[in-house]
Amino acid sequence: MKYFFLMIIRLYQTFIPKRFRGKCLFKESCSNYVYRITKEDGLKAGIVAFRFRFHNCRPDYSLFENGKEILLITVTGEVIEECFIDEKLLSQHKKHK
């Protein structure tokens, strides 16, 4: 099953045009992240990673500065540190300050 799951991710990455994919909030794209976790840690960990990203990589997030760094609060309330946030989101936030 692990290899079937990895194959589905690669097919998605190969055949679904980028314009139809959602914009990822994270530096490492959701599909690359789930692929890496599945390959390194197995199917169960890959499914957990997929569920986390599916529920958290959505619009309606908020960015704020805590004095040291920029943090992202996802729609489910997860707090994401600046080192994991996509550079485009960070640069947009800095422009609109």
PDB file of N, CA and C in Angstrom:
ATOM      1  N   MET A   1       0.815  -1.204   0.000  1.00  0.00           N
ATOM      2  CA  MET A   1       0.000   0.000   0.000  1.00  0.00           C
ATOM      3  C   MET A   1       0.857   1.267   0.000  1.00  0.00           C
ATOM      4  N   LYS A   2       1.991   1.190   0.691  1.00  0.00           N
ATOM      5  CA  LYS A   2       2.872   2.360   0.752  1.00  0.00           C
ATOM      6  C   LYS A   2       3.259   2.804  -0.660  1.00  0.00           C
ATOM      7  N   TYR A   3       3.661   1.843  -1.489  1.00  0.00           N
ATOM      8  CA  TYR A   3       4.120   2.187  -2.834  1.00  0.00           C
ATOM      9  C   TYR A   3       2.970   2.643  -3.725  1.00  0.00           C
ATOM     10  N   PHE A   4       1.780   2.126  -3.499  1.00  0.00           N
ATOM     11  CA  PHE A   4       0.599   2.585  -4.221  1.00  0.00           C
ATOM     12  C   PHE A   4       0.307   4.041  -3.874  1.00  0.00           C
ATOM     13  N   PHE A   5       0.385   4.382  -2.583  1.00  0.00           N
ATOM     14  CA  PHE A   5       0.171   5.755  -2.116  1.00  0.00           C
ATOM     15  C   PHE A   5       1.219   6.696  -2.720  1.00  0.00           C
ATOM     16  N   LEU A   6       2.483   6.270  -2.729  1.00  0.00           N
ATOM     17  CA  LEU A   6       3.553   7.076  -3.329  1.00  0.00           C
ATOM     18  C   LEU A   6       3.306   7.277  -4.821  1.00  0.00           C
ATOM     19  N   MET A   7       2.824   6.230  -5.489  1.00  0.00           N
ATOM     20  CA  MET A   7       2.540   6.327  -6.916  1.00  0.00           C
ATOM     21  C   MET A   7       1.402   7.323  -7.179  1.00  0.00           C
ATOM     22  N   ILE A   8       0.377   7.315  -6.353  1.00  0.00           N
ATOM     23  CA  ILE A   8      -0.737   8.264  -6.512  1.00  0.00           C
ATOM     24  C   ILE A   8      -0.231   9.696  -6.373  1.00  0.00           C
ATOM     25  N   ILE A   9       0.648   9.934  -5.413  1.00  0.00           N
ATOM     26  CA  ILE A   9       1.205  11.284  -5.229  1.00  0.00           C
ATOM     27  C   ILE A   9       1.993  11.697  -6.461  1.00  0.00           C
ATOM     28  N   ARG A  10       2.834  10.810  -6.978  1.00  0.00           N
ATOM     29  CA  ARG A  10       3.629  11.134  -8.172  1.00  0.00           C
ATOM     30  C   ARG A  10       2.731  11.369  -9.388  1.00  0.00           C
ATOM     31  N   LEU A  11       1.670  10.594  -9.537  1.00  0.00           N
ATOM     32  CA  LEU A  11       0.736  10.820 -10.645  1.00  0.00           C
ATOM     33  C   LEU A  11       0.077  12.189 -10.516  1.00  0.00           C
ATOM     34  N   TYR A  12      -0.331  12.533  -9.312  1.00  0.00           N
ATOM     35  CA  TYR A  12      -0.900  13.860  -9.052  1.00  0.00           C
ATOM     36  C   TYR A  12       0.090  14.950  -9.451  1.00  0.00           C
ATOM     37  N   GLN A  13       1.338  14.820  -9.000  1.00  0.00           N
ATOM     38  CA  GLN A  13       2.353  15.828  -9.299  1.00  0.00           C
ATOM     39  C   GLN A  13       2.660  15.908 -10.789  1.00  0.00           C
ATOM     40  N   THR A  14       2.564  14.804 -11.485  1.00  0.00           N
ATOM     41  CA  THR A  14       2.907  14.758 -12.903  1.00  0.00           C
ATOM     42  C   THR A  14       1.774  15.235 -13.812  1.00  0.00           C
ATOM     43  N   PHE A  15       0.555  14.839 -13.504  1.00  0.00           N
ATOM     44  CA  PHE A  15      -0.540  15.061 -14.438  1.00  0.00           C
ATOM     45  C   PHE A  15      -1.502  16.189 -14.081  1.00  0.00           C
ATOM     46  N   ILE A  16      -1.502  16.661 -12.848  1.00  0.00           N
ATOM     47  CA  ILE A  16      -2.392  17.770 -12.488  1.00  0.00           C
ATOM     48  C   ILE A  16      -1.613  19.070 -12.673  1.00  0.00           C
ATOM     49  N   PRO A  17      -2.054  19.932 -13.591  1.00  0.00           N
ATOM     50  CA  PRO A  17      -1.334  21.186 -13.820  1.00  0.00           C
ATOM     51  C   PRO A  17      -1.308  22.055 -12.556  1.00  0.00           C
ATOM     52  N   LYS A  18      -0.213  22.772 -12.387  1.00  0.00           N
ATOM     53  CA  LYS A  18      -0.047  23.607 -11.192  1.00  0.00           C
ATOM     54  C   LYS A  18      -1.168  24.623 -11.027  1.00  0.00           C
ATOM     55  N   ARG A  19      -1.734  25.082 -12.114  1.00  0.00           N
ATOM     56  CA  ARG A  19      -2.791  26.090 -12.000  1.00  0.00           C
ATOM     57  C   ARG A  19      -4.056  25.525 -11.358  1.00  0.00           C
ATOM     58  N   PHE A  20      -4.211  24.193 -11.339  1.00  0.00           N
ATOM     59  CA  PHE A  20      -5.371  23.568 -10.713  1.00  0.00           C
ATOM     60  C   PHE A  20      -5.101  23.126  -9.276  1.00  0.00           C
ATOM     61  N   ARG A  21      -3.864  23.223  -8.850  1.00  0.00           N
ATOM     62  CA  ARG A  21      -3.520  22.841  -7.484  1.00  0.00           C
ATOM     63  C   ARG A  21      -3.687  24.045  -6.574  1.00  0.00           C
ATOM     64  N   GLY A  22      -4.014  23.793  -5.337  1.00  0.00           N
ATOM     65  CA  GLY A  22      -4.123  24.874  -4.371  1.00  0.00           C
ATOM     66  C   GLY A  22      -2.758  25.442  -4.033  1.00  0.00           C
ATOM     67  N   LYS A  23      -2.737  26.685  -3.595  1.00  0.00           N
ATOM     68  CA  LYS A  23      -1.482  27.287  -3.154  1.00  0.00           C
ATOM     69  C   LYS A  23      -1.164  26.772  -1.765  1.00  0.00           C
ATOM     70  N   CYS A  24       0.046  26.311  -1.591  1.00  0.00           N
ATOM     71  CA  CYS A  24       0.454  25.747  -0.310  1.00  0.00           C
ATOM     72  C   CYS A  24       0.968  26.856   0.610  1.00  0.00           C
ATOM     73  N   LEU A  25       0.630  26.773   1.876  1.00  0.00           N
ATOM     74  CA  LEU A  25       1.078  27.749   2.863  1.00  0.00           C
ATOM     75  C   LEU A  25       2.482  27.451   3.367  1.00  0.00           C
ATOM     76  N   PHE A  26       2.958  26.260   3.100  1.00  0.00           N
ATOM     77  CA  PHE A  26       4.223  25.791   3.658  1.00  0.00           C
ATOM     78  C   PHE A  26       5.359  25.863   2.634  1.00  0.00           C
ATOM     79  N   LYS A  27       6.592  25.948   3.127  1.00  0.00           N
ATOM     80  CA  LYS A  27       7.759  25.959   2.234  1.00  0.00           C
ATOM     81  C   LYS A  27       7.826  24.689   1.409  1.00  0.00           C
ATOM     82  N   GLU A  28       7.688  23.555   2.053  1.00  0.00           N
ATOM     83  CA  GLU A  28       7.679  22.289   1.336  1.00  0.00           C
ATOM     84  C   GLU A  28       6.235  22.013   0.931  1.00  0.00           C
ATOM     85  N   SER A  29       5.985  21.879  -0.353  1.00  0.00           N
ATOM     86  CA  SER A  29       4.605  21.690  -0.815  1.00  0.00           C
ATOM     87  C   SER A  29       3.963  20.493  -0.120  1.00  0.00           C
ATOM     88  N   CYS A  30       2.661  20.518  -0.049  1.00  0.00           N
ATOM     89  CA  CYS A  30       1.933  19.460   0.652  1.00  0.00           C
ATOM     90  C   CYS A  30       2.213  18.090   0.036  1.00  0.00           C
ATOM     91  N   SER A  31       2.185  18.004  -1.288  1.00  0.00           N
ATOM     92  CA  SER A  31       2.417  16.697  -1.911  1.00  0.00           C
ATOM     93  C   SER A  31       3.853  16.222  -1.690  1.00  0.00           C
ATOM     94  N   ASN A  32       4.831  17.124  -1.765  1.00  0.00           N
ATOM     95  CA  ASN A  32       6.216  16.728  -1.498  1.00  0.00           C
ATOM     96  C   ASN A  32       6.404  16.300  -0.046  1.00  0.00           C
ATOM     97  N   TYR A  33       5.752  17.014   0.869  1.00  0.00           N
ATOM     98  CA  TYR A  33       5.836  16.690   2.287  1.00  0.00           C
ATOM     99  C   TYR A  33       5.252  15.297   2.558  1.00  0.00           C
ATOM    100  N   VAL A  34       4.061  15.042   2.059  1.00  0.00           N
ATOM    101  CA  VAL A  34       3.416  13.751   2.284  1.00  0.00           C
ATOM    102  C   VAL A  34       4.222  12.634   1.628  1.00  0.00           C
ATOM    103  N   TYR A  35       4.759  12.879   0.442  1.00  0.00           N
ATOM    104  CA  TYR A  35       5.592  11.882  -0.235  1.00  0.00           C
ATOM    105  C   TYR A  35       6.823  11.556   0.613  1.00  0.00           C
ATOM    106  N   ARG A  36       7.495  12.602   1.088  1.00  0.00           N
ATOM    107  CA  ARG A  36       8.716  12.397   1.888  1.00  0.00           C
ATOM    108  C   ARG A  36       8.413  11.634   3.178  1.00  0.00           C
ATOM    109  N   ILE A  37       7.394  12.032   3.893  1.00  0.00           N
ATOM    110  CA  ILE A  37       7.044  11.381   5.152  1.00  0.00           C
ATOM    111  C   ILE A  37       6.665   9.915   4.910  1.00  0.00           C
ATOM    112  N   THR A  38       5.893   9.665   3.861  1.00  0.00           N
ATOM    113  CA  THR A  38       5.495   8.293   3.549  1.00  0.00           C
ATOM    114  C   THR A  38       6.715   7.446   3.218  1.00  0.00           C
ATOM    115  N   LYS A  39       7.601   7.987   2.403  1.00  0.00           N
ATOM    116  CA  LYS A  39       8.801   7.239   2.000  1.00  0.00           C
ATOM    117  C   LYS A  39       9.708   6.957   3.195  1.00  0.00           C
ATOM    118  N   GLU A  40       9.874   7.948   4.073  1.00  0.00           N
ATOM    119  CA  GLU A  40      10.779   7.800   5.220  1.00  0.00           C
ATOM    120  C   GLU A  40      10.173   6.998   6.365  1.00  0.00           C
ATOM    121  N   ASP A  41       8.886   7.225   6.655  1.00  0.00           N
ATOM    122  CA  ASP A  41       8.295   6.699   7.886  1.00  0.00           C
ATOM    123  C   ASP A  41       7.148   5.714   7.682  1.00  0.00           C
ATOM    124  N   GLY A  42       6.749   5.472   6.447  1.00  0.00           N
ATOM    125  CA  GLY A  42       5.727   4.476   6.192  1.00  0.00           C
ATOM    126  C   GLY A  42       4.353   5.055   5.889  1.00  0.00           C
ATOM    127  N   LEU A  43       3.460   4.151   5.513  1.00  0.00           N
ATOM    128  CA  LEU A  43       2.124   4.525   5.078  1.00  0.00           C
ATOM    129  C   LEU A  43       1.323   5.219   6.170  1.00  0.00           C
ATOM    130  N   LYS A  44       1.346   4.682   7.367  1.00  0.00           N
ATOM    131  CA  LYS A  44       0.558   5.273   8.457  1.00  0.00           C
ATOM    132  C   LYS A  44       0.983   6.718   8.716  1.00  0.00           C
ATOM    133  N   ALA A  45       2.285   6.968   8.776  1.00  0.00           N
ATOM    134  CA  ALA A  45       2.791   8.335   8.983  1.00  0.00           C
ATOM    135  C   ALA A  45       2.424   9.227   7.799  1.00  0.00           C
ATOM    136  N   GLY A  46       2.445   8.678   6.592  1.00  0.00           N
ATOM    137  CA  GLY A  46       2.073   9.441   5.406  1.00  0.00           C
ATOM    138  C   GLY A  46       0.610   9.857   5.426  1.00  0.00           C
ATOM    139  N   ILE A  47      -0.238   8.961   5.884  1.00  0.00           N
ATOM    140  CA  ILE A  47      -1.662   9.287   5.981  1.00  0.00           C
ATOM    141  C   ILE A  47      -1.899  10.349   7.042  1.00  0.00           C
ATOM    142  N   VAL A  48      -1.192  10.254   8.166  1.00  0.00           N
ATOM    143  CA  VAL A  48      -1.300  11.280   9.217  1.00  0.00           C
ATOM    144  C   VAL A  48      -0.830  12.628   8.672  1.00  0.00           C
ATOM    145  N   ALA A  49       0.278  12.632   7.931  1.00  0.00           N
ATOM    146  CA  ALA A  49       0.799  13.867   7.335  1.00  0.00           C
ATOM    147  C   ALA A  49      -0.191  14.440   6.329  1.00  0.00           C
ATOM    148  N   PHE A  50      -0.795  13.568   5.527  1.00  0.00           N
ATOM    149  CA  PHE A  50      -1.799  14.017   4.557  1.00  0.00           C
ATOM    150  C   PHE A  50      -2.984  14.658   5.269  1.00  0.00           C
ATOM    151  N   ARG A  51      -3.492  14.024   6.304  1.00  0.00           N
ATOM    152  CA  ARG A  51      -4.641  14.570   7.041  1.00  0.00           C
ATOM    153  C   ARG A  51      -4.300  15.928   7.658  1.00  0.00           C
ATOM    154  N   PHE A  52      -3.085  16.044   8.232  1.00  0.00           N
ATOM    155  CA  PHE A  52      -2.677  17.314   8.829  1.00  0.00           C
ATOM    156  C   PHE A  52      -2.662  18.416   7.782  1.00  0.00           C
ATOM    157  N   ARG A  53      -2.002  18.162   6.653  1.00  0.00           N
ATOM    158  CA  ARG A  53      -1.916  19.176   5.611  1.00  0.00           C
ATOM    159  C   ARG A  53      -3.277  19.465   4.996  1.00  0.00           C
ATOM    160  N   PHE A  54      -4.101  18.444   4.792  1.00  0.00           N
ATOM    161  CA  PHE A  54      -5.418  18.639   4.195  1.00  0.00           C
ATOM    162  C   PHE A  54      -6.268  19.558   5.069  1.00  0.00           C
ATOM    163  N   HIS A  55      -6.176  19.408   6.361  1.00  0.00           N
ATOM    164  CA  HIS A  55      -6.989  20.223   7.273  1.00  0.00           C
ATOM    165  C   HIS A  55      -6.390  21.598   7.555  1.00  0.00           C
ATOM    166  N   ASN A  56      -5.091  21.762   7.375  1.00  0.00           N
ATOM    167  CA  ASN A  56      -4.432  23.005   7.776  1.00  0.00           C
ATOM    168  C   ASN A  56      -3.960  23.892   6.636  1.00  0.00           C
ATOM    169  N   CYS A  57      -3.722  23.340   5.465  1.00  0.00           N
ATOM    170  CA  CYS A  57      -3.222  24.142   4.344  1.00  0.00           C
ATOM    171  C   CYS A  57      -4.411  24.680   3.565  1.00  0.00           C
ATOM    172  N   ARG A  58      -5.076  25.662   4.159  1.00  0.00           N
ATOM    173  CA  ARG A  58      -6.309  26.230   3.605  1.00  0.00           C
ATOM    174  C   ARG A  58      -6.289  27.746   3.760  1.00  0.00           C
ATOM    175  N   PRO A  59      -7.125  28.419   2.976  1.00  0.00           N
ATOM    176  CA  PRO A  59      -7.278  29.857   3.188  1.00  0.00           C
ATOM    177  C   PRO A  59      -7.832  30.116   4.592  1.00  0.00           C
ATOM    178  N   ASP A  60      -8.011  31.357   4.922  1.00  0.00           N
ATOM    179  CA  ASP A  60      -8.502  31.783   6.236  1.00  0.00           C
ATOM    180  C   ASP A  60      -7.462  31.591   7.338  1.00  0.00           C
ATOM    181  N   TYR A  61      -6.208  31.679   6.977  1.00  0.00           N
ATOM    182  CA  TYR A  61      -5.127  31.660   7.954  1.00  0.00           C
ATOM    183  C   TYR A  61      -4.871  33.100   8.389  1.00  0.00           C
ATOM    184  N   SER A  62      -4.089  33.265   9.419  1.00  0.00           N
ATOM    185  CA  SER A  62      -3.667  34.622   9.791  1.00  0.00           C
ATOM    186  C   SER A  62      -2.180  34.603  10.117  1.00  0.00           C
ATOM    187  N   LEU A  63      -1.522  35.675   9.744  1.00  0.00           N
ATOM    188  CA  LEU A  63      -0.101  35.859  10.032  1.00  0.00           C
ATOM    189  C   LEU A  63       0.047  36.966  11.058  1.00  0.00           C
ATOM    190  N   PHE A  64       0.948  36.766  12.007  1.00  0.00           N
ATOM    191  CA  PHE A  64       1.239  37.831  12.964  1.00  0.00           C
ATOM    192  C   PHE A  64       2.673  37.695  13.447  1.00  0.00           C
ATOM    193  N   GLU A  65       3.176  38.790  13.975  1.00  0.00           N
ATOM    194  CA  GLU A  65       4.545  38.802  14.500  1.00  0.00           C
ATOM    195  C   GLU A  65       4.489  38.767  16.019  1.00  0.00           C
ATOM    196  N   ASN A  66       5.325  37.943  16.597  1.00  0.00           N
ATOM    197  CA  ASN A  66       5.372  37.863  18.057  1.00  0.00           C
ATOM    198  C   ASN A  66       6.577  38.605  18.627  1.00  0.00           C
ATOM    199  N   GLY A  67       7.204  39.427  17.819  1.00  0.00           N
ATOM    200  CA  GLY A  67       8.390  40.166  18.237  1.00  0.00           C
ATOM    201  C   GLY A  67       9.672  39.564  17.685  1.00  0.00           C
ATOM    202  N   LYS A  68       9.743  38.248  17.632  1.00  0.00           N
ATOM    203  CA  LYS A  68      10.930  37.556  17.137  1.00  0.00           C
ATOM    204  C   LYS A  68      10.757  37.056  15.705  1.00  0.00           C
ATOM    205  N   GLU A  69       9.578  36.538  15.415  1.00  0.00           N
ATOM    206  CA  GLU A  69       9.351  35.935  14.101  1.00  0.00           C
ATOM    207  C   GLU A  69       7.879  36.077  13.707  1.00  0.00           C
ATOM    208  N   ILE A  70       7.615  35.727  12.453  1.00  0.00           N
ATOM    209  CA  ILE A  70       6.246  35.713  11.951  1.00  0.00           C
ATOM    210  C   ILE A  70       5.687  34.313  12.183  1.00  0.00           C
ATOM    211  N   LEU A  71       4.468  34.256  12.680  1.00  0.00           N
ATOM    212  CA  LEU A  71       3.786  32.985  12.902  1.00  0.00           C
ATOM    213  C   LEU A  71       2.532  32.927  12.054  1.00  0.00           C
ATOM    214  N   LEU A  72       2.156  31.733  11.652  1.00  0.00           N
ATOM    215  CA  LEU A  72       0.943  31.519  10.878  1.00  0.00           C
ATOM    216  C   LEU A  72      -0.006  30.685  11.733  1.00  0.00           C
ATOM    217  N   ILE A  73      -1.235  31.152  11.847  1.00  0.00           N
ATOM    218  CA  ILE A  73      -2.270  30.399  12.541  1.00  0.00           C
ATOM    219  C   ILE A  73      -3.199  29.836  11.478  1.00  0.00           C
ATOM    220  N   THR A  74      -3.314  28.513  11.423  1.00  0.00           N
ATOM    221  CA  THR A  74      -4.147  27.877  10.408  1.00  0.00           C
ATOM    222  C   THR A  74      -5.614  27.959  10.806  1.00  0.00           C
ATOM    223  N   VAL A  75      -6.463  27.557   9.894  1.00  0.00           N
ATOM    224  CA  VAL A  75      -7.903  27.579  10.120  1.00  0.00           C
ATOM    225  C   VAL A  75      -8.298  26.671  11.289  1.00  0.00           C
ATOM    226  N   THR A  76      -7.498  25.654  11.587  1.00  0.00           N
ATOM    227  CA  THR A  76      -7.792  24.755  12.707  1.00  0.00           C
ATOM    228  C   THR A  76      -7.128  25.196  14.003  1.00  0.00           C
ATOM    229  N   GLY A  77      -6.372  26.311  13.957  1.00  0.00           N
ATOM    230  CA  GLY A  77      -5.727  26.827  15.159  1.00  0.00           C
ATOM    231  C   GLY A  77      -4.298  26.374  15.370  1.00  0.00           C
ATOM    232  N   GLU A  78      -3.754  25.611  14.439  1.00  0.00           N
ATOM    233  CA  GLU A  78      -2.347  25.191  14.537  1.00  0.00           C
ATOM    234  C   GLU A  78      -1.446  26.399  14.347  1.00  0.00           C
ATOM    235  N   VAL A  79      -0.371  26.474  15.118  1.00  0.00           N
ATOM    236  CA  VAL A  79       0.603  27.561  15.001  1.00  0.00           C
ATOM    237  C   VAL A  79       1.813  27.030  14.243  1.00  0.00           C
ATOM    238  N   ILE A  80       2.142  27.705  13.135  1.00  0.00           N
ATOM    239  CA  ILE A  80       3.252  27.298  12.272  1.00  0.00           C
ATOM    240  C   ILE A  80       4.351  28.352  12.378  1.00  0.00           C
ATOM    241  N   GLU A  81       5.570  27.909  12.649  1.00  0.00           N
ATOM    242  CA  GLU A  81       6.706  28.819  12.779  1.00  0.00           C
ATOM    243  C   GLU A  81       7.156  29.328  11.415  1.00  0.00           C
ATOM    244  N   GLU A  82       7.821  30.469  11.432  1.00  0.00           N
ATOM    245  CA  GLU A  82       8.261  31.145  10.208  1.00  0.00           C
ATOM    246  C   GLU A  82       9.109  30.255   9.309  1.00  0.00           C
ATOM    247  N   CYS A  83       9.939  29.407   9.875  1.00  0.00           N
ATOM    248  CA  CYS A  83      10.829  28.576   9.060  1.00  0.00           C
ATOM    249  C   CYS A  83      10.076  27.573   8.188  1.00  0.00           C
ATOM    250  N   PHE A  84       8.791  27.337   8.461  1.00  0.00           N
ATOM    251  CA  PHE A  84       7.990  26.402   7.681  1.00  0.00           C
ATOM    252  C   PHE A  84       7.011  27.095   6.733  1.00  0.00           C
ATOM    253  N   ILE A  85       6.927  28.419   6.804  1.00  0.00           N
ATOM    254  CA  ILE A  85       5.955  29.181   6.009  1.00  0.00           C
ATOM    255  C   ILE A  85       6.545  29.493   4.631  1.00  0.00           C
ATOM    256  N   ASP A  86       5.709  29.400   3.603  1.00  0.00           N
ATOM    257  CA  ASP A  86       6.126  29.686   2.235  1.00  0.00           C
ATOM    258  C   ASP A  86       6.670  31.114   2.122  1.00  0.00           C
ATOM    259  N   GLU A  87       7.755  31.271   1.386  1.00  0.00           N
ATOM    260  CA  GLU A  87       8.421  32.571   1.222  1.00  0.00           C
ATOM    261  C   GLU A  87       7.495  33.622   0.605  1.00  0.00           C
ATOM    262  N   LYS A  88       6.631  33.217  -0.324  1.00  0.00           N
ATOM    263  CA  LYS A  88       5.714  34.181  -0.959  1.00  0.00           C
ATOM    264  C   LYS A  88       4.767  34.795   0.069  1.00  0.00           C
ATOM    265  N   LEU A  89       4.270  33.992   0.977  1.00  0.00           N
ATOM    266  CA  LEU A  89       3.382  34.510   2.024  1.00  0.00           C
ATOM    267  C   LEU A  89       4.128  35.473   2.946  1.00  0.00           C
ATOM    268  N   LEU A  90       5.359  35.111   3.284  1.00  0.00           N
ATOM    269  CA  LEU A  90       6.149  35.976   4.155  1.00  0.00           C
ATOM    270  C   LEU A  90       6.441  37.314   3.487  1.00  0.00           C
ATOM    271  N   SER A  91       6.796  37.286   2.205  1.00  0.00           N
ATOM    272  CA  SER A  91       7.113  38.539   1.521  1.00  0.00           C
ATOM    273  C   SER A  91       5.863  39.406   1.353  1.00  0.00           C
ATOM    274  N   GLN A  92       4.711  38.791   1.111  1.00  0.00           N
ATOM    275  CA  GLN A  92       3.462  39.554   1.017  1.00  0.00           C
ATOM    276  C   GLN A  92       3.138  40.192   2.364  1.00  0.00           C
ATOM    277  N   HIS A  93       3.345  39.464   3.428  1.00  0.00           N
ATOM    278  CA  HIS A  93       3.074  39.989   4.773  1.00  0.00           C
ATOM    279  C   HIS A  93       3.978  41.178   5.073  1.00  0.00           C
ATOM    280  N   LYS A  94       5.248  41.063   4.712  1.00  0.00           N
ATOM    281  CA  LYS A  94       6.210  42.151   4.972  1.00  0.00           C
ATOM    282  C   LYS A  94       5.884  43.393   4.151  1.00  0.00           C
ATOM    283  N   LYS A  95       5.358  43.196   2.927  1.00  0.00           N
ATOM    284  CA  LYS A  95       4.981  44.338   2.079  1.00  0.00           C
ATOM    285  C   LYS A  95       3.782  45.104   2.646  1.00  0.00           C
ATOM    286  N   HIS A  96       2.869  44.383   3.276  1.00  0.00           N
ATOM    287  CA  HIS A  96       1.624  44.988   3.754  1.00  0.00           C
ATOM    288  C   HIS A  96       1.690  45.450   5.202  1.00  0.00           C
ATOM    289  N   LYS A  97       2.868  45.495   5.769  1.00  0.00           N
ATOM    290  CA  LYS A  97       3.017  45.955   7.151  1.00  0.00           C
ATOM    291  C   LYS A  97       2.842  47.434   7.259  1.00  0.00           C
TER     292      LYS A  97
END
